[in-house]
Amino acid sequence: MNAATKRLFIKTYGCQMNVYDSERMKDVLAPLGYVTTETADDADLVLLNTCHIREKATEKVFSELGQLKRLKQKSGGKMLLGVTGCVAQAEGEEIMRRQPAVDLVLGPQAYHKLPEMIARVHRAANERLETDFDVEEKFDALPLDRQVDGPSAFLSVQEGCDKFCTFCVVPYTRGAEFSRNVDAIVAEARALVHKGVREINLLGQNVNAYHGDAPSLEGGDSWTLSKLIRHLAKIDGLDRIRFTTSHPRDMDDDLIEAFGDTEKLMPYLHLPIQAGSDAILKAMNRGHTAERYIEIIDRLREIRPDMAITSDFIVGFPGERDQDFEDTMKLVERIDYAAAYSFKYSRRPGTPASDMFSQVPEEVKDERLQRLQALLREQQTRFNQSQIGKTLPVLVTGKARNEGQMAGRTPYLQATHFECSEDLTGQIVNVTMNAATLNSVGGHLASKVEPVA
């Protein structure tokens, strides 16, 4: 290894936005000579890119920092240790107070300042905390040239949230909704395609709230997500477009219709509802009803009958009665999901729901979650089994775990494996499905001729 090369280890917690942020941190640090390593043991810089959504997130970070402190001591203090992401934003001063081994703390809108912060540490300037919201400056500072790992990539188009759901910390850790400039998004998308990316997943906390300006294009004021998608679909070499995560309040008719008129937009939508009871949705401040959510799904399936729908659910929200939970179960049965994430409600300090009365007992949450997850597993397995006998276009992402197999994704985002003796990474191939489990589908190669995805 070159003497100027330094090792970087990033541990990423939580959502796809954090995965994207970690990738961009690598890009920002590459000019300083940092290359990624698989372990913290030999790293010169260790970053914990944290998420504040899950229960006890802060304590998990402190536990990890305790272990890393010992590694830092073993290195003679040469290892730099940083905390980034949403826990850094929410608990920055507490992190600095409780764990002096931490050299720098940066919120999710400040990681473009990593080189500057590292330089400060080396100069012993003792300026180790950077948690101001500055999202526009962050995007402006990011290098266009990105490291690419495989034919699929995330592309952040929107950050922040103005919805203020009563259970959620995102508005406090990511700030207000901000949409990137269309020109910058298109430039990044073209650069990704030039490097071999064939599928782009547009990211945002509320991605379908996107309203970005396009100064260089006709009608450049306040583009919607649907307009952006149709424009990106014109890029040669970009074969698949996805977006996540969406809010039901922002699913307008034009975005729904884009699934029918934009061939490159995959028939897959992750649309969280959290609960099927209008009383609980109101207590959550979701701003929509269960009936409105069902109307959206019905309209999507009218336009794309093969549409795969996934969602998020919280059980045991404060005040959730037996009937409220049964309403959620009925909605799940009505929608018939391809997959879903489900969790027990847990308090997040500083959110309105944490102070609500009628907290649901843990044993009740446990029972409800088991029932819900059993139904969701049944639906997910059935959806995967429904692909058996079909020939689907699969974007090959790399080698599978088993020898002599390749792995990829169907248009419905299903993990796929198939027998193949040659490396077809980056190609879109026809695979005839002959097996299905809860988490994947499998088949045999039907054709190397690339279909329209």
Protein backbone atom coordinates (compact mmCIF):
# COMPACT_ATOMS: atom_id res chain seq x y z
CA MET A 1 0.00 0.00 0.00
CA ASN A 2 1.25 3.48 -0.89
CA ALA A 3 2.70 5.37 2.06
CA ALA A 4 0.17 8.17 1.50
CA THR A 5 -2.77 5.77 1.55
CA LYS A 6 -4.92 5.69 4.67
CA ARG A 7 -7.50 3.10 5.66
CA LEU A 8 -11.15 4.05 6.19
CA PHE A 9 -13.76 1.91 7.94
CA ILE A 10 -17.41 3.03 7.93
CA LYS A 11 -20.10 1.18 9.86
CA THR A 12 -23.54 2.10 8.53
CA TYR A 13 -26.72 1.84 10.56
CA GLY A 14 -30.31 2.15 9.42
CA CYS A 15 -31.90 3.39 6.25
CA GLN A 16 -30.96 3.53 2.57
CA MET A 17 -30.27 7.24 2.92
CA ASN A 18 -27.48 6.35 5.35
CA VAL A 19 -26.11 3.81 2.86
CA TYR A 20 -26.00 6.59 0.27
CA ASP A 21 -24.39 8.99 2.74
CA SER A 22 -21.68 6.44 3.56
CA GLU A 23 -20.90 6.03 -0.12
CA ARG A 24 -20.56 9.80 -0.51
CA MET A 25 -18.29 10.00 2.55
CA LYS A 26 -15.95 7.59 0.78
CA ASP A 27 -16.04 9.87 -2.28
CA VAL A 28 -15.29 12.97 -0.19
CA LEU A 29 -12.36 11.26 1.55
CA ALA A 30 -10.83 9.58 -1.52
CA PRO A 31 -8.82 12.70 -2.54
CA LEU A 32 -7.19 12.60 0.91
CA GLY A 33 -5.87 9.10 0.16
CA TYR A 34 -8.45 7.10 2.13
CA VAL A 35 -9.37 3.62 0.86
CA THR A 36 -11.99 1.44 2.52
CA THR A 37 -11.11 -1.55 4.66
CA GLU A 38 -13.36 -4.38 5.87
CA THR A 39 -12.46 -4.09 9.54
CA ALA A 40 -11.89 -1.36 12.09
CA ASP A 41 -8.84 -3.18 13.48
CA ASP A 42 -6.35 -1.67 11.02
CA ALA A 43 -8.21 1.55 10.13
CA ASP A 44 -6.75 5.03 10.32
CA LEU A 45 -10.24 6.55 10.39
CA VAL A 46 -13.37 4.88 11.76
CA LEU A 47 -16.78 6.46 11.19
CA LEU A 48 -20.05 5.30 12.71
CA ASN A 49 -22.84 6.54 10.40
CA THR A 50 -25.75 6.35 12.79
CA CYS A 51 -29.54 6.11 12.64
CA HIS A 52 -31.89 7.43 15.33
CA ILE A 53 -35.01 5.55 14.23
CA ARG A 54 -34.60 2.28 16.10
CA GLU A 55 -35.01 1.71 19.82
CA LYS A 56 -32.01 2.44 22.06
CA ALA A 57 -30.06 3.75 19.08
CA THR A 58 -27.96 6.10 21.20
CA GLU A 59 -26.93 3.44 23.70
CA LYS A 60 -25.92 1.09 20.87
CA VAL A 61 -23.63 3.81 19.54
CA PHE A 62 -22.02 4.32 22.95
CA SER A 63 -21.51 0.57 23.30
CA GLU A 64 -19.77 0.50 19.92
CA LEU A 65 -17.67 3.52 20.85
CA GLY A 66 -16.51 1.77 24.01
CA GLN A 67 -15.09 -1.07 21.92
CA LEU A 68 -13.53 1.32 19.42
CA LYS A 69 -11.89 3.31 22.23
CA ARG A 70 -9.85 0.22 23.08
CA LEU A 71 -8.78 -0.11 19.42
CA LYS A 72 -7.77 3.53 19.40
CA GLN A 73 -5.70 3.06 22.54
CA LYS A 74 -4.07 0.01 20.94
CA SER A 75 -3.09 2.18 17.95
CA GLY A 76 -1.35 4.61 20.26
CA GLY A 77 -4.06 7.19 19.64
CA LYS A 78 -3.31 7.36 15.91
CA MET A 79 -6.77 6.12 14.89
CA LEU A 80 -9.29 8.89 14.30
CA LEU A 81 -12.80 8.14 15.52
CA GLY A 82 -15.92 9.92 14.24
CA VAL A 83 -19.68 9.74 14.65
CA THR A 84 -21.90 10.90 11.79
CA GLY A 85 -25.60 10.68 10.94
CA CYS A 86 -28.76 11.23 12.91
CA VAL A 87 -27.56 10.22 16.39
CA ALA A 88 -24.69 12.67 15.88
CA GLN A 89 -27.23 15.36 15.00
CA ALA A 90 -29.48 14.65 17.97
CA GLU A 91 -26.90 13.73 20.62
CA GLY A 92 -23.70 15.45 19.45
CA GLU A 93 -22.84 17.29 22.64
CA GLU A 94 -23.64 14.23 24.75
CA ILE A 95 -21.36 12.08 22.57
CA MET A 96 -18.49 14.51 23.05
CA ARG A 97 -19.11 14.65 26.79
CA ARG A 98 -19.47 10.91 27.40
CA GLN A 99 -16.80 9.62 25.03
CA PRO A 100 -13.66 11.80 24.84
CA ALA A 101 -12.06 9.28 22.45
CA VAL A 102 -14.32 10.65 19.69
CA ASP A 103 -12.41 13.06 17.47
CA LEU A 104 -15.27 14.48 15.41
CA VAL A 105 -19.05 14.55 15.31
CA LEU A 106 -20.93 15.51 12.14
CA GLY A 107 -24.64 15.64 11.43
CA PRO A 108 -26.06 14.23 8.16
CA GLN A 109 -25.91 17.61 6.43
CA ALA A 110 -22.25 18.21 7.25
CA TYR A 111 -20.29 15.20 6.00
CA HIS A 112 -18.97 17.19 3.04
CA LYS A 113 -16.92 18.98 5.69
CA LEU A 114 -15.09 15.79 6.70
CA PRO A 115 -11.77 16.81 5.09
CA GLU A 116 -11.91 20.17 6.88
CA MET A 117 -12.82 18.55 10.21
CA ILE A 118 -10.02 15.99 9.89
CA ALA A 119 -7.57 18.80 9.17
CA ARG A 120 -8.78 20.63 12.28
CA VAL A 121 -8.23 17.53 14.39
CA HIS A 122 -4.72 17.14 13.04
CA ARG A 123 -4.07 20.80 13.82
CA ALA A 124 -5.48 20.21 17.32
CA ALA A 125 -7.91 23.08 16.82
CA ASN A 126 -10.39 21.32 19.12
CA GLU A 127 -13.35 22.08 16.82
CA ARG A 128 -14.91 18.65 16.75
CA LEU A 129 -18.67 19.24 16.55
CA GLU A 130 -20.51 20.12 13.31
CA THR A 131 -24.27 19.59 13.39
CA ASP A 132 -25.72 22.67 11.70
CA PHE A 133 -28.32 22.06 8.96
CA ASP A 134 -26.77 23.09 5.68
CA VAL A 135 -28.16 20.66 3.13
CA GLU A 136 -27.82 22.85 0.04
CA GLU A 137 -24.17 23.53 0.76
CA LYS A 138 -23.62 19.81 1.28
CA PHE A 139 -24.93 18.83 -2.14
CA ASP A 140 -23.05 21.66 -3.83
CA ALA A 141 -19.80 20.44 -2.26
CA LEU A 142 -20.10 16.76 -3.16
CA PRO A 143 -17.83 15.54 -5.96
CA LEU A 144 -19.61 14.48 -9.15
CA ASP A 145 -17.23 11.55 -9.60
CA ARG A 146 -18.51 8.72 -7.40
CA GLN A 147 -17.19 5.31 -6.54
CA VAL A 148 -19.53 2.72 -8.03
CA ASP A 149 -19.99 -0.82 -6.77
CA GLY A 150 -22.16 -2.75 -9.22
CA PRO A 151 -24.83 -1.87 -11.79
CA SER A 152 -27.32 -0.39 -9.29
CA ALA A 153 -26.86 2.84 -7.34
CA PHE A 154 -28.69 5.21 -5.01
CA LEU A 155 -29.02 8.86 -5.98
CA SER A 156 -30.22 11.33 -3.36
CA VAL A 157 -32.70 13.87 -4.75
CA GLN A 158 -34.47 15.08 -1.61
CA GLU A 159 -33.75 15.27 2.10
CA GLY A 160 -35.59 16.24 5.24
CA CYS A 161 -39.21 16.09 6.26
CA ASP A 162 -41.99 18.59 6.98
CA LYS A 163 -44.62 16.00 7.93
CA PHE A 164 -43.88 15.79 11.68
CA CYS A 165 -45.38 12.37 12.35
CA THR A 166 -45.67 12.19 16.11
CA PHE A 167 -43.45 9.07 16.41
CA CYS A 168 -40.60 10.26 14.18
CA VAL A 169 -37.32 12.07 14.81
CA VAL A 170 -36.42 12.70 11.15
CA PRO A 171 -37.62 16.36 11.03
CA TYR A 172 -35.36 17.07 14.01
CA THR A 173 -32.29 15.19 12.73
CA ARG A 174 -32.51 15.79 8.96
CA GLY A 175 -34.20 19.18 8.92
CA ALA A 176 -36.84 20.65 6.62
CA GLU A 177 -37.61 19.24 3.17
CA PHE A 178 -35.05 20.22 0.56
CA SER A 179 -35.01 19.22 -3.12
CA ARG A 180 -31.83 19.12 -5.19
CA ASN A 181 -31.42 21.03 -8.41
CA VAL A 182 -32.53 18.99 -11.45
CA ASP A 183 -29.37 19.84 -13.37
CA ALA A 184 -27.18 18.42 -10.57
CA ILE A 185 -29.27 15.24 -10.38
CA VAL A 186 -29.09 14.68 -14.13
CA ALA A 187 -25.34 15.28 -14.14
CA GLU A 188 -24.84 12.75 -11.34
CA ALA A 189 -27.13 10.24 -13.06
CA ARG A 190 -25.20 10.56 -16.33
CA ALA A 191 -21.91 10.12 -14.48
CA LEU A 192 -23.24 6.96 -12.83
CA VAL A 193 -24.42 5.52 -16.14
CA HIS A 194 -21.03 6.32 -17.67
CA LYS A 195 -19.49 4.12 -14.96
CA GLY A 196 -21.77 1.20 -15.79
CA VAL A 197 -24.80 1.82 -13.56
CA ARG A 198 -28.00 0.62 -15.22
CA GLU A 199 -30.46 1.08 -12.34
CA ILE A 200 -30.86 4.21 -10.23
CA ASN A 201 -32.91 4.38 -7.04
CA LEU A 202 -33.90 7.98 -6.27
CA LEU A 203 -33.69 8.61 -2.55
CA GLY A 204 -35.41 10.96 -0.14
CA GLN A 205 -36.99 10.97 3.30
CA ASN A 206 -40.14 12.03 1.43
CA VAL A 207 -38.94 11.48 -2.10
CA ASN A 208 -42.31 12.08 -3.73
CA ALA A 209 -42.43 15.55 -2.11
CA TYR A 210 -39.64 16.44 -4.55
CA HIS A 211 -39.93 19.95 -6.03
CA GLY A 212 -36.61 20.96 -7.58
CA ASP A 213 -35.69 23.73 -9.97
CA ALA A 214 -34.10 23.12 -13.38
CA PRO A 215 -32.52 26.43 -14.41
CA SER A 216 -31.13 25.15 -17.72
CA LEU A 217 -34.33 23.46 -18.90
CA GLU A 218 -37.60 24.79 -20.27
CA GLY A 219 -40.27 25.01 -17.60
CA GLY A 220 -37.52 24.82 -15.03
CA ASP A 221 -39.41 25.95 -11.93
CA SER A 222 -40.44 23.42 -9.30
CA TRP A 223 -40.28 20.10 -11.12
CA THR A 224 -42.23 17.25 -9.57
CA LEU A 225 -40.83 13.77 -9.04
CA SER A 226 -42.84 12.42 -11.97
CA LYS A 227 -41.39 15.07 -14.30
CA LEU A 228 -37.89 14.29 -13.05
CA ILE A 229 -38.40 10.55 -13.61
CA ARG A 230 -39.63 11.05 -17.17
CA HIS A 231 -36.62 13.26 -17.88
CA LEU A 232 -34.13 10.77 -16.41
CA ALA A 233 -35.75 8.02 -18.48
CA LYS A 234 -34.34 9.71 -21.59
CA ILE A 235 -30.76 8.90 -20.54
CA ASP A 236 -29.30 6.23 -22.82
CA GLY A 237 -27.93 3.31 -20.84
CA LEU A 238 -30.16 3.91 -17.83
CA ASP A 239 -32.56 0.97 -17.94
CA ARG A 240 -34.31 1.01 -14.58
CA ILE A 241 -35.57 3.74 -12.26
CA ARG A 242 -36.93 3.32 -8.72
CA PHE A 243 -37.64 5.72 -5.87
CA THR A 244 -37.97 5.47 -2.10
CA THR A 245 -39.32 6.36 0.45
CA SER A 246 -42.72 7.84 -0.39
CA HIS A 247 -45.48 9.36 1.71
CA PRO A 248 -49.17 8.77 0.83
CA ARG A 249 -49.87 12.51 1.13
CA ASP A 250 -47.57 13.19 -1.82
CA MET A 251 -48.77 10.45 -4.21
CA ASP A 252 -50.34 12.69 -6.83
CA ASP A 253 -52.13 11.49 -9.98
CA ASP A 254 -49.25 12.33 -12.31
CA LEU A 255 -46.78 10.23 -10.30
CA ILE A 256 -49.24 7.33 -10.30
CA GLU A 257 -49.67 7.67 -14.06
CA ALA A 258 -45.89 7.62 -14.55
CA PHE A 259 -45.94 3.92 -13.67
CA GLY A 260 -48.08 3.38 -16.74
CA ASP A 261 -46.35 5.63 -19.25
CA THR A 262 -42.67 5.37 -18.26
CA GLU A 263 -41.31 1.98 -19.23
CA LYS A 264 -38.10 2.36 -17.25
CA LEU A 265 -39.96 3.03 -13.98
CA MET A 266 -40.12 -0.35 -12.25
CA PRO A 267 -43.50 -1.75 -11.09
CA TYR A 268 -42.54 -1.53 -7.44
CA LEU A 269 -43.51 1.00 -4.75
CA HIS A 270 -42.61 1.21 -1.08
CA LEU A 271 -45.45 3.23 0.46
CA PRO A 272 -45.51 3.20 4.28
CA ILE A 273 -48.86 3.49 6.01
CA GLN A 274 -47.85 2.51 9.59
CA ALA A 275 -51.41 1.60 10.70
CA GLY A 276 -54.80 0.73 9.23
CA SER A 277 -56.90 2.57 11.81
CA ASP A 278 -57.97 6.14 11.05
CA ALA A 279 -57.87 6.96 14.77
CA ILE A 280 -54.24 5.85 15.01
CA LEU A 281 -53.30 7.52 11.71
CA LYS A 282 -54.71 10.77 13.12
CA ALA A 283 -52.79 10.32 16.39
CA MET A 284 -49.66 9.72 14.31
CA ASN A 285 -50.36 12.94 12.33
CA ARG A 286 -50.08 11.03 9.07
CA GLY A 287 -52.47 13.39 7.26
CA HIS A 288 -54.39 10.72 5.33
CA THR A 289 -56.96 8.01 5.97
CA ALA A 290 -56.87 4.27 5.36
CA GLU A 291 -59.46 4.75 2.63
CA ARG A 292 -57.26 7.26 0.80
CA TYR A 293 -54.31 4.86 1.00
CA ILE A 294 -56.41 2.05 -0.49
CA GLU A 295 -57.56 4.38 -3.29
CA ILE A 296 -53.93 5.06 -4.19
CA ILE A 297 -53.07 1.37 -4.32
CA ASP A 298 -56.18 0.53 -6.36
CA ARG A 299 -55.33 3.25 -8.87
CA LEU A 300 -51.73 2.02 -9.16
CA ARG A 301 -52.89 -1.53 -9.80
CA GLU A 302 -55.41 -0.32 -12.34
CA ILE A 303 -52.53 1.25 -14.27
CA ARG A 304 -49.99 -1.54 -13.56
CA PRO A 305 -51.79 -4.78 -12.62
CA ASP A 306 -48.45 -6.43 -11.74
CA MET A 307 -47.52 -3.67 -9.27
CA ALA A 308 -45.61 -4.88 -6.19
CA ILE A 309 -46.45 -2.89 -3.06
CA THR A 310 -44.39 -2.88 0.15
CA SER A 311 -44.91 -0.89 3.34
CA ASP A 312 -43.96 -0.12 6.95
CA PHE A 313 -46.06 -0.81 10.05
CA ILE A 314 -45.86 0.20 13.70
CA VAL A 315 -47.87 -1.84 16.21
CA GLY A 316 -48.68 -0.78 19.75
CA PHE A 317 -48.74 2.96 19.09
CA PRO A 318 -50.05 4.83 22.17
CA GLY A 319 -53.81 4.42 22.41
CA GLU A 320 -53.98 1.50 19.95
CA ARG A 321 -57.02 -0.59 20.93
CA ASP A 322 -57.81 -4.13 19.84
CA GLN A 323 -60.14 -2.79 17.14
CA ASP A 324 -57.45 -0.43 15.84
CA PHE A 325 -55.09 -3.35 15.42
CA GLU A 326 -57.79 -5.43 13.73
CA ASP A 327 -58.28 -2.53 11.29
CA THR A 328 -54.58 -2.80 10.45
CA MET A 329 -54.91 -6.54 9.86
CA LYS A 330 -57.90 -5.96 7.57
CA LEU A 331 -55.98 -3.38 5.56
CA VAL A 332 -53.04 -5.78 5.15
CA GLU A 333 -55.42 -8.48 3.92
CA ARG A 334 -57.04 -5.99 1.55
CA ILE A 335 -53.76 -4.74 0.02
CA ASP A 336 -51.89 -8.08 -0.11
CA TYR A 337 -48.29 -6.89 0.16
CA ALA A 338 -45.23 -8.21 -1.65
CA ALA A 339 -43.19 -7.46 1.48
CA ALA A 340 -43.27 -5.16 4.50
CA TYR A 341 -41.31 -4.02 7.53
CA SER A 342 -43.04 -4.09 10.90
CA PHE A 343 -41.95 -2.99 14.36
CA LYS A 344 -43.21 -2.46 17.87
CA TYR A 345 -43.66 1.19 18.81
CA SER A 346 -40.83 2.49 20.99
CA ARG A 347 -40.53 5.94 22.48
CA ARG A 348 -38.24 8.50 20.86
CA PRO A 349 -37.25 11.28 23.27
CA GLY A 350 -38.44 14.66 22.05
CA THR A 351 -41.26 13.33 19.87
CA PRO A 352 -44.90 14.09 20.76
CA ALA A 353 -45.84 10.40 20.96
CA SER A 354 -43.29 9.76 23.71
CA ASP A 355 -45.41 11.83 26.11
CA MET A 356 -48.79 10.42 25.07
CA PHE A 357 -50.94 8.64 27.58
CA SER A 358 -52.22 5.09 27.02
CA GLN A 359 -48.86 3.51 26.24
CA VAL A 360 -49.52 -0.09 25.17
CA PRO A 361 -48.06 -2.87 27.39
CA GLU A 362 -45.07 -4.72 25.91
CA GLU A 363 -46.76 -8.10 26.04
CA VAL A 364 -49.67 -6.73 23.97
CA LYS A 365 -47.24 -5.26 21.44
CA ASP A 366 -45.45 -8.61 21.20
CA GLU A 367 -48.64 -10.55 20.52
CA ARG A 368 -49.86 -8.09 17.91
CA LEU A 369 -46.50 -7.96 16.15
CA GLN A 370 -46.34 -11.76 15.93
CA ARG A 371 -49.80 -11.89 14.35
CA LEU A 372 -49.02 -9.12 11.88
CA GLN A 373 -45.67 -10.56 10.87
CA ALA A 374 -47.17 -14.01 10.36
CA LEU A 375 -49.68 -12.53 7.90
CA LEU A 376 -47.01 -10.46 6.13
CA ARG A 377 -44.71 -13.49 5.79
CA GLU A 378 -47.58 -15.46 4.30
CA GLN A 379 -48.23 -12.71 1.74
CA GLN A 380 -44.55 -12.28 0.88
CA THR A 381 -44.09 -16.02 0.33
CA ARG A 382 -47.22 -16.15 -1.82
CA PHE A 383 -46.04 -13.22 -3.92
CA ASN A 384 -42.67 -14.85 -4.53
CA GLN A 385 -44.32 -18.17 -5.39
CA SER A 386 -46.56 -16.40 -7.90
CA GLN A 387 -43.45 -15.80 -10.04
CA ILE A 388 -42.80 -19.52 -10.54
CA GLY A 389 -43.20 -20.39 -14.21
CA LYS A 390 -42.74 -16.77 -15.33
CA THR A 391 -39.76 -15.49 -17.30
CA LEU A 392 -38.61 -12.16 -15.86
CA PRO A 393 -35.87 -9.70 -16.79
CA VAL A 394 -33.22 -9.80 -14.05
CA LEU A 395 -30.52 -7.18 -13.56
CA VAL A 396 -27.46 -9.24 -12.63
CA THR A 397 -25.69 -7.67 -9.65
CA GLY A 398 -22.91 -10.22 -9.08
CA LYS A 399 -22.09 -13.77 -8.08
CA ALA A 400 -24.44 -15.61 -5.73
CA ARG A 401 -23.32 -17.37 -2.56
CA ASN A 402 -23.41 -20.80 -4.19
CA GLU A 403 -20.78 -21.77 -6.73
CA GLY A 404 -21.97 -21.66 -10.32
CA GLN A 405 -24.77 -19.17 -9.64
CA MET A 406 -25.34 -15.48 -10.34
CA ALA A 407 -27.52 -13.09 -8.33
CA GLY A 408 -29.71 -10.19 -9.34
CA ARG A 409 -33.02 -8.39 -8.93
CA THR A 410 -36.34 -8.71 -10.73
CA PRO A 411 -38.39 -5.63 -11.66
CA TYR A 412 -40.20 -6.22 -8.34
CA LEU A 413 -36.90 -5.93 -6.39
CA GLN A 414 -36.92 -9.62 -5.50
CA ALA A 415 -33.53 -11.13 -4.75
CA THR A 416 -32.87 -13.71 -7.45
CA HIS A 417 -30.34 -16.46 -8.05
CA PHE A 418 -29.91 -18.64 -11.12
CA GLU A 419 -27.52 -21.25 -12.48
CA CYS A 420 -24.85 -19.70 -14.66
CA SER A 421 -21.23 -20.61 -15.41
CA GLU A 422 -20.11 -17.17 -16.63
CA ASP A 423 -20.01 -13.74 -15.03
CA LEU A 424 -22.97 -11.72 -16.35
CA THR A 425 -22.71 -8.86 -13.84
CA GLY A 426 -24.29 -5.70 -15.20
CA GLN A 427 -26.40 -7.44 -17.83
CA ILE A 428 -30.18 -7.73 -17.92
CA VAL A 429 -31.11 -11.31 -18.75
CA ASN A 430 -34.27 -13.40 -18.95
CA VAL A 431 -34.65 -15.87 -16.08
CA THR A 432 -37.42 -18.46 -15.89
CA MET A 433 -38.40 -18.86 -12.24
CA ASN A 434 -38.75 -22.36 -10.80
CA ALA A 435 -38.31 -21.83 -7.05
CA ALA A 436 -39.35 -19.39 -4.35
CA THR A 437 -38.78 -18.84 -0.64
CA LEU A 438 -39.79 -16.10 1.78
CA ASN A 439 -36.85 -13.91 0.78
CA SER A 440 -35.93 -14.82 -2.79
CA VAL A 441 -36.79 -16.46 -6.09
CA GLY A 442 -34.64 -18.76 -8.20
CA GLY A 443 -34.58 -20.04 -11.73
CA HIS A 444 -32.59 -20.86 -14.84
CA LEU A 445 -31.21 -18.62 -17.53
CA ALA A 446 -33.67 -18.44 -20.42
CA SER A 447 -31.93 -15.91 -22.64
CA LYS A 448 -28.93 -13.62 -22.71
CA VAL A 449 -30.71 -11.34 -25.14
CA GLU A 450 -31.51 -8.29 -23.09
CA PRO A 451 -35.24 -7.53 -22.99
CA VAL A 452 -36.79 -4.17 -22.33
CA ALA A 453 -36.90 -4.09 -18.52
